[in-house]
Amino acid sequence: MHILIPLFLGVLFGAALNKGGLTQYKNIVGVFRFTNLTVIKFMLTAVCVAMTGLFALNGLGLISLPQPPATYVLGNLLGGLVFGVGMALAGYCPGTCAAGSGEGKLDYLLTGIPGLLAGAVIFGLVWPSFFPALREVANLGQVNLAQLWDASPFLVVIAFVLLVAFLFYLLERNRLYRKDKLD
């Protein structure tokens, strides 16, 4: 069951990516051109739903949340930059690459999957020599936003969800990002 449940959830997530149009090159690249924010809306919605569900289940005592891993600000910024540049150049991220490969898209399967594996190998080889210096810069320790700001986790969740809802409102209100205007 430890293997079947994550496999089942991965297939559901891949199906959601497909249904949401996130395995289409134009939708991924559109994020970086500021012409199509489907990916951002999908991912922020997923984060809001997961965050709300996990903190609600934790608040009810049905699950316990693990301690977050250490937060290395410089490492997160550099990792995000490398990830974003790779995503912009390739036209897909690891999740959409796997989903696109599952659809049988050859560009995802023949270049994306080997690229993912090559990146993982390079990361594994570079990490031991690079990480010790990196972890000394802006190491915040094992904290989440609620702990960092000394606030209630529920207040942070509510604030984040409201902020995302307001962002969605602004994006939909602004005709530059409206899909019907661009198509």
N, C-alpha and C. Protein backbone atom coordinates (compact mmCIF):
# COMPACT_ATOMS: atom_id res chain seq x y z
N MET A 1 0.83 -1.21 0.00
CA MET A 1 0.00 0.00 0.00
C MET A 1 0.87 1.26 0.00
N HIS A 2 2.08 1.16 0.58
CA HIS A 2 2.96 2.34 0.64
C HIS A 2 3.40 2.77 -0.75
N ILE A 3 3.35 1.87 -1.70
CA ILE A 3 3.72 2.18 -3.08
C ILE A 3 2.48 2.51 -3.90
N LEU A 4 1.40 1.80 -3.67
CA LEU A 4 0.19 1.97 -4.48
C LEU A 4 -0.49 3.32 -4.29
N ILE A 5 -0.56 3.79 -3.05
CA ILE A 5 -1.25 5.06 -2.80
C ILE A 5 -0.52 6.22 -3.49
N PRO A 6 0.81 6.38 -3.31
CA PRO A 6 1.48 7.46 -4.04
C PRO A 6 1.40 7.31 -5.56
N LEU A 7 1.45 6.08 -6.04
CA LEU A 7 1.34 5.84 -7.48
C LEU A 7 -0.05 6.28 -7.98
N PHE A 8 -1.08 5.92 -7.23
CA PHE A 8 -2.45 6.32 -7.58
C PHE A 8 -2.60 7.84 -7.55
N LEU A 9 -2.06 8.48 -6.50
CA LEU A 9 -2.15 9.94 -6.40
C LEU A 9 -1.35 10.61 -7.52
N GLY A 10 -0.22 10.03 -7.91
CA GLY A 10 0.57 10.57 -9.02
C GLY A 10 -0.18 10.49 -10.33
N VAL A 11 -0.88 9.39 -10.55
CA VAL A 11 -1.68 9.25 -11.77
C VAL A 11 -2.82 10.27 -11.76
N LEU A 12 -3.46 10.47 -10.62
CA LEU A 12 -4.52 11.48 -10.52
C LEU A 12 -3.98 12.88 -10.78
N PHE A 13 -2.79 13.17 -10.23
CA PHE A 13 -2.19 14.48 -10.45
C PHE A 13 -1.84 14.67 -11.92
N GLY A 14 -1.29 13.63 -12.55
CA GLY A 14 -0.98 13.69 -13.98
C GLY A 14 -2.23 13.92 -14.81
N ALA A 15 -3.31 13.25 -14.44
CA ALA A 15 -4.58 13.43 -15.16
C ALA A 15 -5.09 14.87 -14.98
N ALA A 16 -4.92 15.41 -13.77
CA ALA A 16 -5.34 16.80 -13.53
C ALA A 16 -4.48 17.77 -14.34
N LEU A 17 -3.18 17.49 -14.43
CA LEU A 17 -2.30 18.33 -15.26
C LEU A 17 -2.75 18.30 -16.71
N ASN A 18 -3.07 17.11 -17.18
CA ASN A 18 -3.53 16.96 -18.56
C ASN A 18 -4.84 17.70 -18.77
N LYS A 19 -5.79 17.47 -17.90
CA LYS A 19 -7.11 18.09 -18.03
C LYS A 19 -7.03 19.61 -17.94
N GLY A 20 -6.10 20.10 -17.13
CA GLY A 20 -5.92 21.54 -16.98
C GLY A 20 -5.14 22.19 -18.11
N GLY A 21 -4.64 21.37 -19.04
CA GLY A 21 -3.89 21.90 -20.18
C GLY A 21 -2.44 22.21 -19.86
N LEU A 22 -1.94 21.68 -18.74
CA LEU A 22 -0.58 22.00 -18.35
C LEU A 22 0.48 21.15 -19.05
N THR A 23 0.07 20.23 -19.88
CA THR A 23 1.04 19.46 -20.67
C THR A 23 1.18 20.06 -22.07
N GLN A 24 0.60 21.23 -22.27
CA GLN A 24 0.71 21.90 -23.56
C GLN A 24 1.82 22.96 -23.47
N TYR A 25 2.72 22.88 -24.42
CA TYR A 25 3.88 23.76 -24.46
C TYR A 25 3.47 25.23 -24.38
N LYS A 26 2.45 25.62 -25.12
CA LYS A 26 2.05 27.04 -25.16
C LYS A 26 1.62 27.54 -23.79
N ASN A 27 1.05 26.69 -22.97
CA ASN A 27 0.62 27.11 -21.64
C ASN A 27 1.81 27.30 -20.70
N ILE A 28 2.81 26.45 -20.81
CA ILE A 28 4.00 26.57 -19.96
C ILE A 28 4.79 27.81 -20.37
N VAL A 29 5.08 27.95 -21.64
CA VAL A 29 5.88 29.08 -22.12
C VAL A 29 5.12 30.39 -21.94
N GLY A 30 3.79 30.33 -22.03
CA GLY A 30 2.97 31.52 -21.84
C GLY A 30 3.17 32.19 -20.49
N VAL A 31 3.53 31.41 -19.48
CA VAL A 31 3.81 31.97 -18.16
C VAL A 31 4.98 32.93 -18.23
N PHE A 32 6.03 32.52 -18.93
CA PHE A 32 7.24 33.33 -19.00
C PHE A 32 7.09 34.51 -19.97
N ARG A 33 6.09 34.46 -20.81
CA ARG A 33 5.79 35.58 -21.71
C ARG A 33 4.69 36.47 -21.14
N PHE A 34 4.15 36.09 -20.01
CA PHE A 34 3.05 36.81 -19.36
C PHE A 34 1.82 36.91 -20.27
N THR A 35 1.59 35.84 -21.03
CA THR A 35 0.42 35.81 -21.92
C THR A 35 -0.59 34.75 -21.51
N ASN A 36 -0.18 33.79 -20.68
CA ASN A 36 -1.08 32.71 -20.29
C ASN A 36 -0.69 32.28 -18.88
N LEU A 37 -1.54 32.54 -17.92
CA LEU A 37 -1.22 32.23 -16.53
C LEU A 37 -1.97 31.00 -16.02
N THR A 38 -2.33 30.10 -16.92
CA THR A 38 -3.02 28.87 -16.55
C THR A 38 -2.21 28.08 -15.54
N VAL A 39 -0.91 27.95 -15.75
CA VAL A 39 -0.05 27.16 -14.87
C VAL A 39 -0.02 27.77 -13.47
N ILE A 40 0.16 29.07 -13.40
CA ILE A 40 0.22 29.73 -12.10
C ILE A 40 -1.10 29.57 -11.35
N LYS A 41 -2.20 29.73 -12.05
CA LYS A 41 -3.51 29.57 -11.42
C LYS A 41 -3.72 28.14 -10.92
N PHE A 42 -3.33 27.18 -11.74
CA PHE A 42 -3.47 25.77 -11.36
C PHE A 42 -2.64 25.46 -10.12
N MET A 43 -1.36 25.87 -10.14
CA MET A 43 -0.47 25.52 -9.03
C MET A 43 -0.85 26.26 -7.75
N LEU A 44 -1.22 27.54 -7.86
CA LEU A 44 -1.63 28.26 -6.66
C LEU A 44 -2.92 27.68 -6.08
N THR A 45 -3.83 27.25 -6.94
CA THR A 45 -5.04 26.59 -6.45
C THR A 45 -4.69 25.29 -5.74
N ALA A 46 -3.78 24.51 -6.32
CA ALA A 46 -3.35 23.26 -5.69
C ALA A 46 -2.70 23.52 -4.33
N VAL A 47 -1.85 24.56 -4.25
CA VAL A 47 -1.20 24.90 -2.99
C VAL A 47 -2.24 25.32 -1.94
N CYS A 48 -3.20 26.14 -2.35
CA CYS A 48 -4.24 26.59 -1.41
C CYS A 48 -5.06 25.42 -0.88
N VAL A 49 -5.47 24.53 -1.77
CA VAL A 49 -6.29 23.38 -1.36
C VAL A 49 -5.49 22.47 -0.44
N ALA A 50 -4.25 22.16 -0.83
CA ALA A 50 -3.42 21.27 0.00
C ALA A 50 -3.11 21.91 1.35
N MET A 51 -2.75 23.17 1.35
CA MET A 51 -2.42 23.86 2.60
C MET A 51 -3.62 23.89 3.53
N THR A 52 -4.77 24.24 3.00
CA THR A 52 -5.98 24.31 3.82
C THR A 52 -6.33 22.92 4.37
N GLY A 53 -6.28 21.92 3.51
CA GLY A 53 -6.61 20.55 3.95
C GLY A 53 -5.64 20.03 5.00
N LEU A 54 -4.34 20.21 4.76
CA LEU A 54 -3.36 19.69 5.72
C LEU A 54 -3.45 20.38 7.07
N PHE A 55 -3.59 21.70 7.08
CA PHE A 55 -3.67 22.39 8.36
C PHE A 55 -5.00 22.12 9.06
N ALA A 56 -6.07 21.92 8.30
CA ALA A 56 -7.35 21.56 8.92
C ALA A 56 -7.27 20.18 9.55
N LEU A 57 -6.72 19.22 8.81
CA LEU A 57 -6.57 17.86 9.36
C LEU A 57 -5.65 17.86 10.58
N ASN A 58 -4.60 18.66 10.53
CA ASN A 58 -3.69 18.77 11.68
C ASN A 58 -4.41 19.40 12.87
N GLY A 59 -5.20 20.45 12.61
CA GLY A 59 -5.95 21.11 13.68
C GLY A 59 -6.98 20.19 14.32
N LEU A 60 -7.54 19.26 13.54
CA LEU A 60 -8.50 18.30 14.08
C LEU A 60 -7.82 17.12 14.77
N GLY A 61 -6.49 17.07 14.69
CA GLY A 61 -5.74 15.99 15.31
C GLY A 61 -5.72 14.70 14.52
N LEU A 62 -6.14 14.75 13.25
CA LEU A 62 -6.19 13.54 12.43
C LEU A 62 -4.82 13.20 11.82
N ILE A 63 -3.98 14.19 11.64
CA ILE A 63 -2.62 13.97 11.16
C ILE A 63 -1.68 14.87 11.95
N SER A 64 -0.43 14.54 11.91
CA SER A 64 0.56 15.45 12.49
C SER A 64 1.52 15.86 11.38
N LEU A 65 1.81 17.13 11.32
CA LEU A 65 2.70 17.65 10.29
C LEU A 65 4.15 17.45 10.71
N PRO A 66 4.99 17.01 9.80
CA PRO A 66 6.40 16.86 10.15
C PRO A 66 7.08 18.22 10.27
N GLN A 67 8.19 18.24 10.95
CA GLN A 67 8.99 19.47 11.04
C GLN A 67 9.51 19.79 9.64
N PRO A 68 9.41 21.05 9.22
CA PRO A 68 9.89 21.38 7.87
C PRO A 68 11.41 21.24 7.79
N PRO A 69 11.92 20.98 6.59
CA PRO A 69 13.37 20.94 6.44
C PRO A 69 13.96 22.34 6.64
N ALA A 70 15.24 22.41 6.83
CA ALA A 70 15.90 23.70 7.03
C ALA A 70 15.69 24.59 5.80
N THR A 71 15.55 25.87 6.06
CA THR A 71 15.33 26.85 5.00
C THR A 71 16.63 27.59 4.73
N TYR A 72 17.15 27.40 3.53
CA TYR A 72 18.37 28.08 3.10
C TYR A 72 17.97 29.09 2.02
N VAL A 73 17.91 30.35 2.38
CA VAL A 73 17.38 31.38 1.48
C VAL A 73 18.16 31.43 0.17
N LEU A 74 19.49 31.50 0.23
CA LEU A 74 20.29 31.58 -0.99
C LEU A 74 20.11 30.32 -1.84
N GLY A 75 20.09 29.17 -1.19
CA GLY A 75 19.88 27.91 -1.91
C GLY A 75 18.53 27.87 -2.60
N ASN A 76 17.49 28.36 -1.92
CA ASN A 76 16.16 28.41 -2.53
C ASN A 76 16.13 29.36 -3.72
N LEU A 77 16.79 30.50 -3.59
CA LEU A 77 16.82 31.45 -4.70
C LEU A 77 17.58 30.89 -5.90
N LEU A 78 18.75 30.30 -5.64
CA LEU A 78 19.54 29.71 -6.74
C LEU A 78 18.80 28.53 -7.37
N GLY A 79 18.23 27.68 -6.54
CA GLY A 79 17.47 26.53 -7.05
C GLY A 79 16.27 26.97 -7.87
N GLY A 80 15.57 27.99 -7.40
CA GLY A 80 14.42 28.51 -8.14
C GLY A 80 14.84 29.11 -9.47
N LEU A 81 15.99 29.78 -9.48
CA LEU A 81 16.49 30.37 -10.72
C LEU A 81 16.85 29.28 -11.73
N VAL A 82 17.57 28.26 -11.29
CA VAL A 82 17.94 27.16 -12.18
C VAL A 82 16.68 26.44 -12.68
N PHE A 83 15.75 26.18 -11.78
CA PHE A 83 14.50 25.51 -12.15
C PHE A 83 13.73 26.35 -13.16
N GLY A 84 13.60 27.65 -12.89
CA GLY A 84 12.84 28.53 -13.78
C GLY A 84 13.46 28.67 -15.16
N VAL A 85 14.79 28.80 -15.20
CA VAL A 85 15.46 28.90 -16.50
C VAL A 85 15.29 27.60 -17.28
N GLY A 86 15.46 26.47 -16.60
CA GLY A 86 15.27 25.17 -17.26
C GLY A 86 13.85 24.99 -17.76
N MET A 87 12.90 25.42 -16.96
CA MET A 87 11.50 25.30 -17.35
C MET A 87 11.18 26.20 -18.53
N ALA A 88 11.73 27.41 -18.53
CA ALA A 88 11.48 28.34 -19.65
C ALA A 88 12.12 27.83 -20.93
N LEU A 89 13.32 27.25 -20.83
CA LEU A 89 14.01 26.75 -22.02
C LEU A 89 13.35 25.48 -22.56
N ALA A 90 12.97 24.60 -21.67
CA ALA A 90 12.40 23.32 -22.10
C ALA A 90 10.92 23.44 -22.48
N GLY A 91 10.21 24.29 -21.79
CA GLY A 91 8.77 24.42 -22.05
C GLY A 91 7.94 23.50 -21.18
N TYR A 92 8.55 22.89 -20.20
CA TYR A 92 7.81 22.07 -19.25
C TYR A 92 8.62 21.90 -17.98
N CYS A 93 7.93 21.55 -16.90
CA CYS A 93 8.57 21.29 -15.62
C CYS A 93 8.57 19.78 -15.40
N PRO A 94 9.20 19.28 -14.35
CA PRO A 94 9.24 17.83 -14.15
C PRO A 94 7.88 17.15 -14.11
N GLY A 95 6.91 17.76 -13.45
CA GLY A 95 5.58 17.15 -13.38
C GLY A 95 4.89 17.10 -14.73
N THR A 96 4.94 18.20 -15.46
CA THR A 96 4.31 18.22 -16.77
C THR A 96 5.08 17.37 -17.77
N CYS A 97 6.39 17.23 -17.55
CA CYS A 97 7.20 16.36 -18.41
C CYS A 97 6.76 14.90 -18.25
N ALA A 98 6.57 14.48 -17.01
CA ALA A 98 6.12 13.11 -16.76
C ALA A 98 4.71 12.90 -17.32
N ALA A 99 3.83 13.89 -17.12
CA ALA A 99 2.47 13.77 -17.63
C ALA A 99 2.46 13.76 -19.16
N GLY A 100 3.26 14.63 -19.78
CA GLY A 100 3.34 14.66 -21.25
C GLY A 100 3.92 13.37 -21.81
N SER A 101 4.91 12.81 -21.11
CA SER A 101 5.48 11.52 -21.52
C SER A 101 4.43 10.43 -21.44
N GLY A 102 3.61 10.48 -20.40
CA GLY A 102 2.52 9.52 -20.25
C GLY A 102 1.50 9.63 -21.37
N GLU A 103 1.36 10.83 -21.93
CA GLU A 103 0.46 11.03 -23.08
C GLU A 103 1.07 10.51 -24.37
N GLY A 104 2.40 10.25 -24.33
CA GLY A 104 3.08 9.78 -25.53
C GLY A 104 3.70 10.89 -26.36
N LYS A 105 3.83 12.09 -25.80
CA LYS A 105 4.45 13.20 -26.52
C LYS A 105 5.96 12.95 -26.59
N LEU A 106 6.47 12.79 -27.81
CA LEU A 106 7.86 12.39 -27.99
C LEU A 106 8.85 13.45 -27.53
N ASP A 107 8.54 14.74 -27.68
CA ASP A 107 9.48 15.75 -27.22
C ASP A 107 9.66 15.68 -25.70
N TYR A 108 8.62 15.36 -25.00
CA TYR A 108 8.71 15.22 -23.55
C TYR A 108 9.48 13.94 -23.21
N LEU A 109 9.16 12.87 -23.92
CA LEU A 109 9.72 11.56 -23.63
C LEU A 109 11.19 11.45 -24.03
N LEU A 110 11.54 11.94 -25.22
CA LEU A 110 12.90 11.75 -25.74
C LEU A 110 13.89 12.80 -25.27
N THR A 111 13.44 13.99 -24.95
CA THR A 111 14.37 15.02 -24.47
C THR A 111 14.12 15.38 -23.01
N GLY A 112 12.87 15.42 -22.59
CA GLY A 112 12.54 15.83 -21.23
C GLY A 112 12.99 14.85 -20.17
N ILE A 113 12.65 13.60 -20.33
CA ILE A 113 13.01 12.60 -19.32
C ILE A 113 14.53 12.42 -19.22
N PRO A 114 15.25 12.27 -20.35
CA PRO A 114 16.73 12.23 -20.22
C PRO A 114 17.30 13.51 -19.62
N GLY A 115 16.70 14.67 -19.92
CA GLY A 115 17.15 15.92 -19.32
C GLY A 115 16.94 15.94 -17.81
N LEU A 116 15.79 15.42 -17.37
CA LEU A 116 15.53 15.31 -15.93
C LEU A 116 16.57 14.42 -15.25
N LEU A 117 16.84 13.29 -15.86
CA LEU A 117 17.81 12.35 -15.28
C LEU A 117 19.22 12.94 -15.27
N ALA A 118 19.60 13.62 -16.36
CA ALA A 118 20.92 14.26 -16.41
C ALA A 118 21.04 15.34 -15.35
N GLY A 119 19.99 16.14 -15.19
CA GLY A 119 19.99 17.17 -14.15
C GLY A 119 20.11 16.59 -12.76
N ALA A 120 19.43 15.48 -12.51
CA ALA A 120 19.51 14.82 -11.20
C ALA A 120 20.92 14.30 -10.94
N VAL A 121 21.55 13.73 -11.96
CA VAL A 121 22.92 13.22 -11.80
C VAL A 121 23.89 14.37 -11.54
N ILE A 122 23.78 15.44 -12.32
CA ILE A 122 24.66 16.60 -12.12
C ILE A 122 24.46 17.19 -10.72
N PHE A 123 23.22 17.33 -10.32
CA PHE A 123 22.93 17.84 -8.97
C PHE A 123 23.57 16.94 -7.91
N GLY A 124 23.41 15.63 -8.07
CA GLY A 124 23.99 14.69 -7.11
C GLY A 124 25.51 14.77 -7.04
N LEU A 125 26.14 15.02 -8.16
CA LEU A 125 27.60 15.11 -8.19
C LEU A 125 28.10 16.44 -7.62
N VAL A 126 27.39 17.52 -7.88
CA VAL A 126 27.83 18.85 -7.46
C VAL A 126 27.46 19.15 -6.00
N TRP A 127 26.36 18.61 -5.55
CA TRP A 127 25.80 18.93 -4.23
C TRP A 127 26.79 18.78 -3.08
N PRO A 128 27.53 17.66 -2.95
CA PRO A 128 28.41 17.50 -1.78
C PRO A 128 29.49 18.59 -1.67
N SER A 129 29.97 19.09 -2.78
CA SER A 129 31.00 20.12 -2.69
C SER A 129 30.42 21.53 -2.63
N PHE A 130 29.21 21.70 -3.08
CA PHE A 130 28.60 23.02 -3.16
C PHE A 130 27.77 23.35 -1.93
N PHE A 131 27.12 22.36 -1.36
CA PHE A 131 26.16 22.59 -0.28
C PHE A 131 26.78 23.15 1.00
N PRO A 132 27.92 22.66 1.48
CA PRO A 132 28.44 23.20 2.75
C PRO A 132 28.60 24.72 2.75
N ALA A 133 29.10 25.30 1.66
CA ALA A 133 29.24 26.75 1.60
C ALA A 133 27.89 27.43 1.49
N LEU A 134 26.99 26.83 0.77
CA LEU A 134 25.68 27.40 0.53
C LEU A 134 24.84 27.46 1.81
N ARG A 135 24.94 26.45 2.63
CA ARG A 135 24.08 26.39 3.82
C ARG A 135 24.47 27.40 4.90
N GLU A 136 25.65 27.98 4.77
CA GLU A 136 26.08 28.98 5.75
C GLU A 136 25.47 30.35 5.50
N VAL A 137 24.94 30.58 4.29
CA VAL A 137 24.40 31.89 3.92
C VAL A 137 22.88 31.89 4.13
N ALA A 138 22.40 32.75 4.99
CA ALA A 138 20.96 32.94 5.24
C ALA A 138 20.25 31.65 5.59
N ASN A 139 20.77 30.93 6.56
CA ASN A 139 20.15 29.70 7.04
C ASN A 139 19.14 30.07 8.13
N LEU A 140 17.87 29.90 7.82
CA LEU A 140 16.82 30.25 8.78
C LEU A 140 16.46 29.10 9.71
N GLY A 141 16.99 27.92 9.45
CA GLY A 141 16.67 26.76 10.28
C GLY A 141 15.37 26.10 9.87
N GLN A 142 14.86 25.25 10.74
CA GLN A 142 13.64 24.49 10.45
C GLN A 142 12.42 25.29 10.90
N VAL A 143 12.00 26.23 10.05
CA VAL A 143 10.84 27.06 10.37
C VAL A 143 9.90 27.13 9.18
N ASN A 144 8.64 27.35 9.48
CA ASN A 144 7.68 27.68 8.43
C ASN A 144 7.28 29.14 8.63
N LEU A 145 6.45 29.66 7.76
CA LEU A 145 6.09 31.08 7.85
C LEU A 145 5.41 31.44 9.17
N ALA A 146 4.55 30.57 9.64
CA ALA A 146 3.85 30.86 10.90
C ALA A 146 4.85 30.98 12.05
N GLN A 147 5.84 30.10 12.09
CA GLN A 147 6.86 30.16 13.14
C GLN A 147 7.76 31.39 12.96
N LEU A 148 8.12 31.66 11.72
CA LEU A 148 9.00 32.80 11.42
C LEU A 148 8.34 34.11 11.83
N TRP A 149 7.04 34.23 11.58
CA TRP A 149 6.32 35.46 11.89
C TRP A 149 5.66 35.43 13.27
N ASP A 150 5.81 34.33 13.99
CA ASP A 150 5.19 34.14 15.30
C ASP A 150 3.67 34.41 15.21
N ALA A 151 3.06 33.72 14.26
CA ALA A 151 1.62 33.88 14.01
C ALA A 151 0.95 32.52 14.03
N SER A 152 -0.35 32.53 14.15
CA SER A 152 -1.13 31.30 14.10
C SER A 152 -1.03 30.69 12.70
N PRO A 153 -0.80 29.37 12.61
CA PRO A 153 -0.77 28.75 11.28
C PRO A 153 -2.07 28.96 10.51
N PHE A 154 -3.19 28.96 11.21
CA PHE A 154 -4.48 29.16 10.54
C PHE A 154 -4.59 30.57 9.97
N LEU A 155 -4.04 31.54 10.68
CA LEU A 155 -4.05 32.91 10.18
C LEU A 155 -3.19 33.03 8.92
N VAL A 156 -2.06 32.35 8.90
CA VAL A 156 -1.18 32.36 7.72
C VAL A 156 -1.89 31.71 6.53
N VAL A 157 -2.56 30.58 6.78
CA VAL A 157 -3.29 29.89 5.71
C VAL A 157 -4.40 30.80 5.16
N ILE A 158 -5.18 31.39 6.05
CA ILE A 158 -6.27 32.28 5.62
C ILE A 158 -5.71 33.47 4.84
N ALA A 159 -4.63 34.06 5.34
CA ALA A 159 -4.03 35.21 4.65
C ALA A 159 -3.53 34.81 3.26
N PHE A 160 -2.90 33.64 3.16
CA PHE A 160 -2.38 33.19 1.87
C PHE A 160 -3.52 32.92 0.89
N VAL A 161 -4.56 32.25 1.34
CA VAL A 161 -5.70 31.95 0.46
C VAL A 161 -6.37 33.25 0.01
N LEU A 162 -6.54 34.20 0.92
CA LEU A 162 -7.14 35.48 0.55
C LEU A 162 -6.25 36.25 -0.43
N LEU A 163 -4.95 36.20 -0.22
CA LEU A 163 -4.01 36.86 -1.13
C LEU A 163 -4.08 36.24 -2.52
N VAL A 164 -4.15 34.93 -2.60
CA VAL A 164 -4.26 34.24 -3.89
C VAL A 164 -5.60 34.59 -4.55
N ALA A 165 -6.67 34.61 -3.79
CA ALA A 165 -7.98 34.96 -4.35
C ALA A 165 -7.95 36.39 -4.90
N PHE A 166 -7.32 37.30 -4.18
CA PHE A 166 -7.20 38.68 -4.66
C PHE A 166 -6.34 38.75 -5.92
N LEU A 167 -5.27 37.98 -5.96
CA LEU A 167 -4.42 37.92 -7.16
C LEU A 167 -5.22 37.41 -8.35
N PHE A 168 -5.99 36.36 -8.15
CA PHE A 168 -6.84 35.83 -9.23
C PHE A 168 -7.83 36.88 -9.71
N TYR A 169 -8.41 37.61 -8.78
CA TYR A 169 -9.35 38.67 -9.14
C TYR A 169 -8.66 39.72 -10.02
N LEU A 170 -7.46 40.14 -9.61
CA LEU A 170 -6.72 41.14 -10.38
C LEU A 170 -6.35 40.62 -11.77
N LEU A 171 -5.94 39.36 -11.83
CA LEU A 171 -5.56 38.78 -13.11
C LEU A 171 -6.75 38.67 -14.05
N GLU A 172 -7.88 38.28 -13.53
CA GLU A 172 -9.07 38.15 -14.37
C GLU A 172 -9.61 39.51 -14.78
N ARG A 173 -9.42 40.49 -13.93
CA ARG A 173 -9.90 41.84 -14.22
C ARG A 173 -9.04 42.52 -15.29
N ASN A 174 -7.77 42.20 -15.30
CA ASN A 174 -6.84 42.81 -16.24
C ASN A 174 -6.94 42.10 -17.59
N ARG A 175 -7.33 42.78 -18.61
CA ARG A 175 -7.55 42.17 -19.92
C ARG A 175 -6.28 41.64 -20.55
N LEU A 176 -5.11 42.11 -20.14
CA LEU A 176 -3.85 41.63 -20.71
C LEU A 176 -3.72 40.12 -20.52
N TYR A 177 -4.20 39.62 -19.39
CA TYR A 177 -4.05 38.20 -19.08
C TYR A 177 -5.28 37.38 -19.45
N ARG A 178 -6.30 37.98 -19.98
CA ARG A 178 -7.52 37.25 -20.31
C ARG A 178 -7.28 36.37 -21.52
N LYS A 179 -7.57 35.14 -21.38
CA LYS A 179 -7.33 34.17 -22.45
C LYS A 179 -8.15 34.48 -23.69
N ASP A 180 -9.42 34.89 -23.51
CA ASP A 180 -10.26 35.16 -24.67
C ASP A 180 -9.75 36.36 -25.49
N LYS A 181 -9.07 37.26 -24.84
CA LYS A 181 -8.49 38.43 -25.53
C LYS A 181 -7.28 38.00 -26.36
N LEU A 182 -6.53 36.98 -25.88
CA LEU A 182 -5.29 36.58 -26.53
C LEU A 182 -5.50 35.56 -27.64
N ASP A 183 -6.53 34.75 -27.56
CA ASP A 183 -6.75 33.70 -28.56
C ASP A 183 -7.33 34.22 -29.86
